[in-house]
Amino acid sequence: MSLVIAITGGATGIGRAVALRMARSGCAVAICGRRRDRLDQAADEIRAVGGQALPVVADVTSAQDMERFVRATVEQYGRLDVMVCNAGYGLYGESEAIDSAQAIDMMHVNYFGTVNGASAALPVFKRQNAGHLFIVSSIVGKRGVPYMSAYSATKFAQVGFAECLRAELTGTPIHLSVVYPISTDTEFFSVMTGHSGFATRAMGPKQSADDVAKAIEKAIARPRPEIYPYKAARILALMNAVAPGLCDRLVRRWGRKPIPV
């Protein structure tokens, strides 16, 4: 067993891809989510590629559940080396039409779920005097795009939290990395369509969940503060910093477009 890794939202999408990739390297993997059937299926897949798996039913919006998830991981494997705060979902809609209750629910999962996961892992890292926290954000946490204001707000909140926490941890042996995926081929979009009541079409490039997992694997071996699995996405963040007006026009032209469900 080389490393012990805990992943929220580890049964599907990017979380599952990270779990499988690290399991192939011999890591012990703990995954959490709300659906027992999906967790058990993912755990079977992890074991099938040679990894150790601990599936735990837990809700990231509950601080107690996240503490229980981390505690179960440490009890099972003796330590925790990496925590990946990955759980989240999206919502489409014109900014003025977003239902506030839906936006609040999404903030609880995407932002407070991240805070809860980080807060559960950090005391373990501090006791061990070692650890690596990953926060899976989105490129829309750097630059918002049309029809995704509520989702983008949750991702900006993640990034603000991460930057403050990373500064607090500077000079310690605890690392913090923020991951900025672009549109990723997962069930994320079908879930988002279900929550929103309509679909959108992404006009720009896409990547696979394993592309993101591969970037995280590299950063585990060589920590760095920001990770852009699709390297050209960094250009969008830089352009927004130096020419936000131009960036507005570009994302309006090339950002998401609504389509009939």
C-alpha atoms as a PDB file:
ATOM      1  CA  MET A   1       0.000   0.000   0.000  1.00  0.00           C
ATOM      2  CA  SER A   2       1.641   3.218  -1.153  1.00  0.00           C
ATOM      3  CA  LEU A   3      -0.875   5.934  -0.216  1.00  0.00           C
ATOM      4  CA  VAL A   4      -4.265   6.237   1.457  1.00  0.00           C
ATOM      5  CA  ILE A   5      -6.681   8.420  -0.481  1.00  0.00           C
ATOM      6  CA  ALA A   6     -10.197   9.537   0.484  1.00  0.00           C
ATOM      7  CA  ILE A   7     -12.507  10.879  -2.236  1.00  0.00           C
ATOM      8  CA  THR A   8     -15.896  12.537  -1.839  1.00  0.00           C
ATOM      9  CA  GLY A   9     -18.246  11.811  -4.707  1.00  0.00           C
ATOM     10  CA  GLY A  10     -16.014   8.836  -5.430  1.00  0.00           C
ATOM     11  CA  ALA A  11     -18.594   6.523  -6.991  1.00  0.00           C
ATOM     12  CA  THR A  12     -19.000   8.335 -10.313  1.00  0.00           C
ATOM     13  CA  GLY A  13     -17.367  10.757 -12.695  1.00  0.00           C
ATOM     14  CA  ILE A  14     -14.058  12.363 -11.826  1.00  0.00           C
ATOM     15  CA  GLY A  15     -14.039  10.861  -8.334  1.00  0.00           C
ATOM     16  CA  ARG A  16     -14.410   7.335  -9.689  1.00  0.00           C
ATOM     17  CA  ALA A  17     -11.708   7.975 -12.304  1.00  0.00           C
ATOM     18  CA  VAL A  18      -9.288   9.170  -9.609  1.00  0.00           C
ATOM     19  CA  ALA A  19     -10.101   6.165  -7.436  1.00  0.00           C
ATOM     20  CA  LEU A  20      -9.457   3.681 -10.256  1.00  0.00           C
ATOM     21  CA  ARG A  21      -6.264   5.357 -11.436  1.00  0.00           C
ATOM     22  CA  MET A  22      -4.776   5.474  -7.941  1.00  0.00           C
ATOM     23  CA  ALA A  23      -5.923   1.928  -7.172  1.00  0.00           C
ATOM     24  CA  ARG A  24      -3.954   0.696 -10.180  1.00  0.00           C
ATOM     25  CA  SER A  25      -0.892   2.209  -8.499  1.00  0.00           C
ATOM     26  CA  GLY A  26      -1.558   0.130  -5.389  1.00  0.00           C
ATOM     27  CA  CYS A  27      -3.171   2.836  -3.278  1.00  0.00           C
ATOM     28  CA  ALA A  28      -5.841   2.197  -0.676  1.00  0.00           C
ATOM     29  CA  VAL A  29      -8.958   4.153  -1.567  1.00  0.00           C
ATOM     30  CA  ALA A  30     -11.906   5.298   0.542  1.00  0.00           C
ATOM     31  CA  ILE A  31     -14.901   6.682  -1.336  1.00  0.00           C
ATOM     32  CA  CYS A  32     -18.080   8.293  -0.101  1.00  0.00           C
ATOM     33  CA  GLY A  33     -21.420   9.218  -1.588  1.00  0.00           C
ATOM     34  CA  ARG A  34     -25.124   9.004  -0.864  1.00  0.00           C
ATOM     35  CA  ARG A  35     -25.980   5.999  -3.073  1.00  0.00           C
ATOM     36  CA  ARG A  36     -24.971   2.644  -1.624  1.00  0.00           C
ATOM     37  CA  ASP A  37     -25.459   0.760  -4.903  1.00  0.00           C
ATOM     38  CA  ARG A  38     -23.141   3.076  -6.836  1.00  0.00           C
ATOM     39  CA  LEU A  39     -20.548   3.018  -4.050  1.00  0.00           C
ATOM     40  CA  ASP A  40     -20.514  -0.782  -3.950  1.00  0.00           C
ATOM     41  CA  GLN A  41     -20.191  -0.971  -7.719  1.00  0.00           C
ATOM     42  CA  ALA A  42     -17.245   1.460  -7.690  1.00  0.00           C
ATOM     43  CA  ALA A  43     -15.621  -0.439  -4.802  1.00  0.00           C
ATOM     44  CA  ASP A  44     -15.849  -3.676  -6.791  1.00  0.00           C
ATOM     45  CA  GLU A  45     -14.169  -1.947  -9.739  1.00  0.00           C
ATOM     46  CA  ILE A  46     -11.394  -0.635  -7.490  1.00  0.00           C
ATOM     47  CA  ARG A  47     -10.719  -4.111  -6.115  1.00  0.00           C
ATOM     48  CA  ALA A  48     -10.795  -5.569  -9.615  1.00  0.00           C
ATOM     49  CA  VAL A  49      -7.824  -3.408 -10.656  1.00  0.00           C
ATOM     50  CA  GLY A  50      -5.824  -4.388  -7.573  1.00  0.00           C
ATOM     51  CA  GLY A  51      -6.694  -1.668  -5.083  1.00  0.00           C
ATOM     52  CA  GLN A  52      -8.159  -1.694  -1.603  1.00  0.00           C
ATOM     53  CA  ALA A  53     -11.569  -0.057  -1.307  1.00  0.00           C
ATOM     54  CA  LEU A  54     -13.603   1.321   1.575  1.00  0.00           C
ATOM     55  CA  PRO A  55     -17.070   2.540   0.507  1.00  0.00           C
ATOM     56  CA  VAL A  56     -18.833   4.771   3.045  1.00  0.00           C
ATOM     57  CA  VAL A  57     -22.340   6.166   2.686  1.00  0.00           C
ATOM     58  CA  ALA A  58     -22.030   9.825   3.670  1.00  0.00           C
ATOM     59  CA  ASP A  59     -23.432  13.231   2.736  1.00  0.00           C
ATOM     60  CA  VAL A  60     -20.898  16.022   2.219  1.00  0.00           C
ATOM     61  CA  THR A  61     -23.366  18.619   3.514  1.00  0.00           C
ATOM     62  CA  SER A  62     -23.086  17.017   6.955  1.00  0.00           C
ATOM     63  CA  ALA A  63     -19.944  17.909   8.914  1.00  0.00           C
ATOM     64  CA  GLN A  64     -20.584  14.876  11.097  1.00  0.00           C
ATOM     65  CA  ASP A  65     -20.733  12.591   8.061  1.00  0.00           C
ATOM     66  CA  MET A  66     -17.428  13.943   6.775  1.00  0.00           C
ATOM     67  CA  GLU A  67     -15.794  13.434  10.160  1.00  0.00           C
ATOM     68  CA  ARG A  68     -17.170   9.888  10.196  1.00  0.00           C
ATOM     69  CA  PHE A  69     -15.857   9.273   6.661  1.00  0.00           C
ATOM     70  CA  VAL A  70     -12.349  10.434   7.557  1.00  0.00           C
ATOM     71  CA  ARG A  71     -12.409   8.568  10.858  1.00  0.00           C
ATOM     72  CA  ALA A  72     -13.450   5.329   9.113  1.00  0.00           C
ATOM     73  CA  THR A  73     -10.608   5.768   6.611  1.00  0.00           C
ATOM     74  CA  VAL A  74      -7.999   6.227   9.332  1.00  0.00           C
ATOM     75  CA  GLU A  75      -9.387   3.322  11.356  1.00  0.00           C
ATOM     76  CA  GLN A  76      -9.281   1.062   8.300  1.00  0.00           C
ATOM     77  CA  TYR A  77      -5.864   2.040   6.928  1.00  0.00           C
ATOM     78  CA  GLY A  78      -4.029   3.715   9.798  1.00  0.00           C
ATOM     79  CA  ARG A  79      -3.572   7.101   8.175  1.00  0.00           C
ATOM     80  CA  LEU A  80      -4.808   9.512   5.489  1.00  0.00           C
ATOM     81  CA  ASP A  81      -2.387  10.859   2.888  1.00  0.00           C
ATOM     82  CA  VAL A  82      -4.673  12.541   0.349  1.00  0.00           C
ATOM     83  CA  MET A  83      -8.179  14.016   0.595  1.00  0.00           C
ATOM     84  CA  VAL A  84      -9.978  14.805  -2.663  1.00  0.00           C
ATOM     85  CA  CYS A  85     -13.011  17.098  -2.195  1.00  0.00           C
ATOM     86  CA  ASN A  86     -14.800  16.313  -5.417  1.00  0.00           C
ATOM     87  CA  ALA A  87     -18.549  15.956  -4.765  1.00  0.00           C
ATOM     88  CA  GLY A  88     -20.747  18.467  -6.550  1.00  0.00           C
ATOM     89  CA  TYR A  89     -23.348  19.123  -9.226  1.00  0.00           C
ATOM     90  CA  GLY A  90     -24.467  21.907 -11.533  1.00  0.00           C
ATOM     91  CA  LEU A  91     -27.454  24.025 -12.486  1.00  0.00           C
ATOM     92  CA  TYR A  92     -28.239  25.937 -15.679  1.00  0.00           C
ATOM     93  CA  GLY A  93     -30.375  29.045 -16.082  1.00  0.00           C
ATOM     94  CA  GLU A  94     -30.455  32.749 -16.804  1.00  0.00           C
ATOM     95  CA  SER A  95     -29.129  34.548 -13.761  1.00  0.00           C
ATOM     96  CA  GLU A  96     -32.380  36.314 -12.858  1.00  0.00           C
ATOM     97  CA  ALA A  97     -34.422  33.133 -13.333  1.00  0.00           C
ATOM     98  CA  ILE A  98     -32.442  30.808 -11.033  1.00  0.00           C
ATOM     99  CA  ASP A  99     -34.591  29.516  -8.189  1.00  0.00           C
ATOM    100  CA  SER A 100     -32.966  30.703  -4.966  1.00  0.00           C
ATOM    101  CA  ALA A 101     -33.763  27.480  -3.097  1.00  0.00           C
ATOM    102  CA  GLN A 102     -32.008  25.434  -5.789  1.00  0.00           C
ATOM    103  CA  ALA A 103     -29.012  27.758  -5.707  1.00  0.00           C
ATOM    104  CA  ILE A 104     -28.785  27.473  -1.920  1.00  0.00           C
ATOM    105  CA  ASP A 105     -28.962  23.669  -2.078  1.00  0.00           C
ATOM    106  CA  MET A 106     -26.156  23.624  -4.640  1.00  0.00           C
ATOM    107  CA  MET A 107     -24.022  25.934  -2.484  1.00  0.00           C
ATOM    108  CA  HIS A 108     -24.481  23.538   0.427  1.00  0.00           C
ATOM    109  CA  VAL A 109     -23.151  20.628  -1.635  1.00  0.00           C
ATOM    110  CA  ASN A 110     -20.454  22.284  -3.734  1.00  0.00           C
ATOM    111  CA  TYR A 111     -19.063  24.829  -1.279  1.00  0.00           C
ATOM    112  CA  PHE A 112     -19.981  23.726   2.222  1.00  0.00           C
ATOM    113  CA  GLY A 113     -19.374  20.114   1.208  1.00  0.00           C
ATOM    114  CA  THR A 114     -15.820  21.122   0.334  1.00  0.00           C
ATOM    115  CA  VAL A 115     -15.394  22.985   3.628  1.00  0.00           C
ATOM    116  CA  ASN A 116     -16.724  19.995   5.560  1.00  0.00           C
ATOM    117  CA  GLY A 117     -14.389  17.573   3.810  1.00  0.00           C
ATOM    118  CA  ALA A 118     -11.361  19.804   4.265  1.00  0.00           C
ATOM    119  CA  SER A 119     -12.199  20.492   7.917  1.00  0.00           C
ATOM    120  CA  ALA A 120     -12.454  16.761   8.621  1.00  0.00           C
ATOM    121  CA  ALA A 121      -9.133  15.929   6.947  1.00  0.00           C
ATOM    122  CA  LEU A 122      -6.972  18.800   8.199  1.00  0.00           C
ATOM    123  CA  PRO A 123      -6.724  17.711  11.857  1.00  0.00           C
ATOM    124  CA  VAL A 124      -5.472  14.318  10.650  1.00  0.00           C
ATOM    125  CA  PHE A 125      -2.917  15.941   8.363  1.00  0.00           C
ATOM    126  CA  LYS A 126      -1.720  18.175  11.189  1.00  0.00           C
ATOM    127  CA  ARG A 127      -1.320  15.233  13.563  1.00  0.00           C
ATOM    128  CA  GLN A 128       0.611  13.334  10.909  1.00  0.00           C
ATOM    129  CA  ASN A 129       2.587  16.439   9.917  1.00  0.00           C
ATOM    130  CA  ALA A 130       1.834  15.509   6.304  1.00  0.00           C
ATOM    131  CA  GLY A 131      -1.052  15.448   3.855  1.00  0.00           C
ATOM    132  CA  HIS A 132      -2.379  16.733   0.547  1.00  0.00           C
ATOM    133  CA  LEU A 133      -5.823  18.301   0.063  1.00  0.00           C
ATOM    134  CA  PHE A 134      -7.320  18.524  -3.431  1.00  0.00           C
ATOM    135  CA  ILE A 135     -10.321  20.712  -4.198  1.00  0.00           C
ATOM    136  CA  VAL A 136     -11.967  19.916  -7.525  1.00  0.00           C
ATOM    137  CA  SER A 137     -13.351  23.234  -8.758  1.00  0.00           C
ATOM    138  CA  SER A 138     -13.983  24.122 -12.420  1.00  0.00           C
ATOM    139  CA  ILE A 139     -12.682  26.536 -14.998  1.00  0.00           C
ATOM    140  CA  VAL A 140     -15.897  28.482 -14.284  1.00  0.00           C
ATOM    141  CA  GLY A 141     -14.424  29.064 -10.828  1.00  0.00           C
ATOM    142  CA  LYS A 142     -11.918  31.289 -12.644  1.00  0.00           C
ATOM    143  CA  ARG A 143     -14.168  32.752 -15.339  1.00  0.00           C
ATOM    144  CA  GLY A 144     -17.963  32.581 -15.435  1.00  0.00           C
ATOM    145  CA  VAL A 145     -19.833  31.614 -18.594  1.00  0.00           C
ATOM    146  CA  PRO A 146     -23.428  32.231 -19.751  1.00  0.00           C
ATOM    147  CA  TYR A 147     -26.270  30.298 -18.067  1.00  0.00           C
ATOM    148  CA  MET A 148     -24.054  29.019 -15.248  1.00  0.00           C
ATOM    149  CA  SER A 149     -23.989  31.884 -12.761  1.00  0.00           C
ATOM    150  CA  ALA A 150     -25.284  29.911  -9.755  1.00  0.00           C
ATOM    151  CA  TYR A 151     -22.907  27.009 -10.375  1.00  0.00           C
ATOM    152  CA  SER A 152     -20.007  29.357 -11.082  1.00  0.00           C
ATOM    153  CA  ALA A 153     -20.660  31.161  -7.788  1.00  0.00           C
ATOM    154  CA  THR A 154     -20.199  27.897  -5.878  1.00  0.00           C
ATOM    155  CA  LYS A 155     -16.936  27.285  -7.688  1.00  0.00           C
ATOM    156  CA  PHE A 156     -15.638  30.803  -7.049  1.00  0.00           C
ATOM    157  CA  ALA A 157     -16.488  30.238  -3.386  1.00  0.00           C
ATOM    158  CA  GLN A 158     -14.428  27.036  -3.392  1.00  0.00           C
ATOM    159  CA  VAL A 159     -11.489  28.880  -4.914  1.00  0.00           C
ATOM    160  CA  GLY A 160     -11.671  31.729  -2.390  1.00  0.00           C
ATOM    161  CA  PHE A 161     -11.739  29.238   0.472  1.00  0.00           C
ATOM    162  CA  ALA A 162      -8.841  27.288  -1.046  1.00  0.00           C
ATOM    163  CA  GLU A 163      -6.642  30.347  -1.577  1.00  0.00           C
ATOM    164  CA  CYS A 164      -7.121  31.500   2.015  1.00  0.00           C
ATOM    165  CA  LEU A 165      -6.468  28.027   3.388  1.00  0.00           C
ATOM    166  CA  ARG A 166      -3.417  27.518   1.186  1.00  0.00           C
ATOM    167  CA  ALA A 167      -1.924  30.740   2.539  1.00  0.00           C
ATOM    168  CA  GLU A 168      -2.584  29.519   6.085  1.00  0.00           C
ATOM    169  CA  LEU A 169      -0.762  26.277   5.287  1.00  0.00           C
ATOM    170  CA  THR A 170       2.223  27.895   3.580  1.00  0.00           C
ATOM    171  CA  GLY A 171       5.463  26.749   5.169  1.00  0.00           C
ATOM    172  CA  THR A 172       3.923  23.541   6.509  1.00  0.00           C
ATOM    173  CA  PRO A 173       4.256  20.019   5.050  1.00  0.00           C
ATOM    174  CA  ILE A 174       0.553  20.071   4.098  1.00  0.00           C
ATOM    175  CA  HIS A 175      -0.191  20.746   0.422  1.00  0.00           C
ATOM    176  CA  LEU A 176      -3.353  22.164  -1.140  1.00  0.00           C
ATOM    177  CA  SER A 177      -4.138  21.950  -4.845  1.00  0.00           C
ATOM    178  CA  VAL A 178      -7.138  23.348  -6.729  1.00  0.00           C
ATOM    179  CA  VAL A 179      -8.184  21.506  -9.892  1.00  0.00           C
ATOM    180  CA  TYR A 180      -9.832  23.420 -12.764  1.00  0.00           C
ATOM    181  CA  PRO A 181     -11.444  20.963 -15.216  1.00  0.00           C
ATOM    182  CA  ILE A 182     -13.206  22.094 -18.381  1.00  0.00           C
ATOM    183  CA  SER A 183     -16.354  20.319 -19.657  1.00  0.00           C
ATOM    184  CA  THR A 184     -15.815  16.696 -18.696  1.00  0.00           C
ATOM    185  CA  ASP A 185     -17.525  13.626 -20.138  1.00  0.00           C
ATOM    186  CA  THR A 186     -19.429  12.323 -17.068  1.00  0.00           C
ATOM    187  CA  GLU A 187     -23.037  12.029 -15.883  1.00  0.00           C
ATOM    188  CA  PHE A 188     -22.624  15.602 -14.558  1.00  0.00           C
ATOM    189  CA  PHE A 189     -24.537  17.012 -17.530  1.00  0.00           C
ATOM    190  CA  SER A 190     -27.501  14.656 -17.324  1.00  0.00           C
ATOM    191  CA  VAL A 191     -27.777  15.445 -13.603  1.00  0.00           C
ATOM    192  CA  MET A 192     -27.529  19.178 -14.328  1.00  0.00           C
ATOM    193  CA  THR A 193     -30.220  18.924 -16.996  1.00  0.00           C
ATOM    194  CA  GLY A 194     -32.478  17.141 -14.528  1.00  0.00           C
ATOM    195  CA  HIS A 195     -32.035  19.887 -11.928  1.00  0.00           C
ATOM    196  CA  SER A 196     -32.416  22.700 -14.465  1.00  0.00           C
ATOM    197  CA  GLY A 197     -35.306  21.504 -16.628  1.00  0.00           C
ATOM    198  CA  PHE A 198     -33.417  22.222 -19.862  1.00  0.00           C
ATOM    199  CA  ALA A 199     -30.079  21.392 -21.440  1.00  0.00           C
ATOM    200  CA  THR A 200     -27.198  23.424 -22.824  1.00  0.00           C
ATOM    201  CA  ARG A 201     -24.618  22.689 -25.460  1.00  0.00           C
ATOM    202  CA  ALA A 202     -20.945  23.235 -24.680  1.00  0.00           C
ATOM    203  CA  MET A 203     -19.290  24.929 -27.665  1.00  0.00           C
ATOM    204  CA  GLY A 204     -15.694  24.596 -26.465  1.00  0.00           C
ATOM    205  CA  PRO A 205     -13.304  21.667 -25.928  1.00  0.00           C
ATOM    206  CA  LYS A 206     -14.021  18.695 -23.678  1.00  0.00           C
ATOM    207  CA  GLN A 207     -11.944  16.194 -21.726  1.00  0.00           C
ATOM    208  CA  SER A 208     -12.433  12.775 -20.178  1.00  0.00           C
ATOM    209  CA  ALA A 209     -12.709  12.086 -16.466  1.00  0.00           C
ATOM    210  CA  ASP A 210      -9.469  10.126 -16.730  1.00  0.00           C
ATOM    211  CA  ASP A 211      -7.710  13.208 -18.132  1.00  0.00           C
ATOM    212  CA  VAL A 212      -8.555  14.955 -14.860  1.00  0.00           C
ATOM    213  CA  ALA A 213      -7.551  11.906 -12.808  1.00  0.00           C
ATOM    214  CA  LYS A 214      -4.212  11.737 -14.595  1.00  0.00           C
ATOM    215  CA  ALA A 215      -3.519  15.395 -13.770  1.00  0.00           C
ATOM    216  CA  ILE A 216      -4.371  14.781 -10.103  1.00  0.00           C
ATOM    217  CA  GLU A 217      -2.111  11.719 -10.015  1.00  0.00           C
ATOM    218  CA  LYS A 218       0.784  13.820 -11.328  1.00  0.00           C
ATOM    219  CA  ALA A 219       0.136  16.504  -8.721  1.00  0.00           C
ATOM    220  CA  ILE A 220       0.113  13.931  -5.911  1.00  0.00           C
ATOM    221  CA  ALA A 221       3.650  12.997  -6.967  1.00  0.00           C
ATOM    222  CA  ARG A 222       4.676  16.615  -7.527  1.00  0.00           C
ATOM    223  CA  PRO A 223       2.399  19.026  -5.624  1.00  0.00           C
ATOM    224  CA  ARG A 224       1.472  22.378  -7.121  1.00  0.00           C
ATOM    225  CA  PRO A 225      -1.185  24.920  -6.145  1.00  0.00           C
ATOM    226  CA  GLU A 226      -3.236  24.992  -9.354  1.00  0.00           C
ATOM    227  CA  ILE A 227      -3.951  22.212 -11.834  1.00  0.00           C
ATOM    228  CA  TYR A 228      -5.386  22.728 -15.319  1.00  0.00           C
ATOM    229  CA  PRO A 229      -6.002  19.243 -16.775  1.00  0.00           C
ATOM    230  CA  TYR A 230      -6.699  20.927 -20.131  1.00  0.00           C
ATOM    231  CA  LYS A 231      -3.638  23.144 -20.256  1.00  0.00           C
ATOM    232  CA  ALA A 232      -5.051  25.753 -22.638  1.00  0.00           C
ATOM    233  CA  ALA A 233      -7.762  26.572 -20.073  1.00  0.00           C
ATOM    234  CA  ARG A 234      -5.163  28.573 -18.161  1.00  0.00           C
ATOM    235  CA  ILE A 235      -5.232  31.071 -21.040  1.00  0.00           C
ATOM    236  CA  LEU A 236      -8.882  31.859 -20.306  1.00  0.00           C
ATOM    237  CA  ALA A 237      -8.048  32.666 -16.688  1.00  0.00           C
ATOM    238  CA  LEU A 238      -5.141  34.888 -17.735  1.00  0.00           C
ATOM    239  CA  MET A 239      -7.195  36.624 -20.431  1.00  0.00           C
ATOM    240  CA  ASN A 240      -9.947  37.372 -17.940  1.00  0.00           C
ATOM    241  CA  ALA A 241      -7.400  38.996 -15.628  1.00  0.00           C
ATOM    242  CA  VAL A 242      -5.934  41.300 -18.269  1.00  0.00           C
ATOM    243  CA  ALA A 243      -8.887  41.861 -20.666  1.00  0.00           C
ATOM    244  CA  PRO A 244     -12.198  41.051 -18.953  1.00  0.00           C
ATOM    245  CA  GLY A 245     -14.296  42.917 -21.540  1.00  0.00           C
ATOM    246  CA  LEU A 246     -12.822  40.890 -24.380  1.00  0.00           C
ATOM    247  CA  CYS A 247     -13.344  37.764 -22.316  1.00  0.00           C
ATOM    248  CA  ASP A 248     -17.030  38.660 -21.876  1.00  0.00           C
ATOM    249  CA  ARG A 249     -17.478  38.716 -25.639  1.00  0.00           C
ATOM    250  CA  LEU A 250     -15.593  35.479 -26.160  1.00  0.00           C
ATOM    251  CA  VAL A 251     -17.504  33.471 -23.570  1.00  0.00           C
ATOM    252  CA  ARG A 252     -20.808  34.847 -24.849  1.00  0.00           C
ATOM    253  CA  ARG A 253     -19.920  33.612 -28.330  1.00  0.00           C
ATOM    254  CA  TRP A 254     -18.275  30.312 -27.348  1.00  0.00           C
ATOM    255  CA  GLY A 255     -19.906  29.568 -23.995  1.00  0.00           C
ATOM    256  CA  ARG A 256     -22.920  27.378 -23.344  1.00  0.00           C
ATOM    257  CA  LYS A 257     -26.072  27.695 -25.450  1.00  0.00           C
ATOM    258  CA  PRO A 258     -29.521  26.515 -24.312  1.00  0.00           C
ATOM    259  CA  ILE A 259     -31.061  23.667 -26.319  1.00  0.00           C
ATOM    260  CA  PRO A 260     -34.432  21.873 -26.015  1.00  0.00           C
ATOM    261  CA  VAL A 261     -34.500  18.847 -23.690  1.00  0.00           C
END
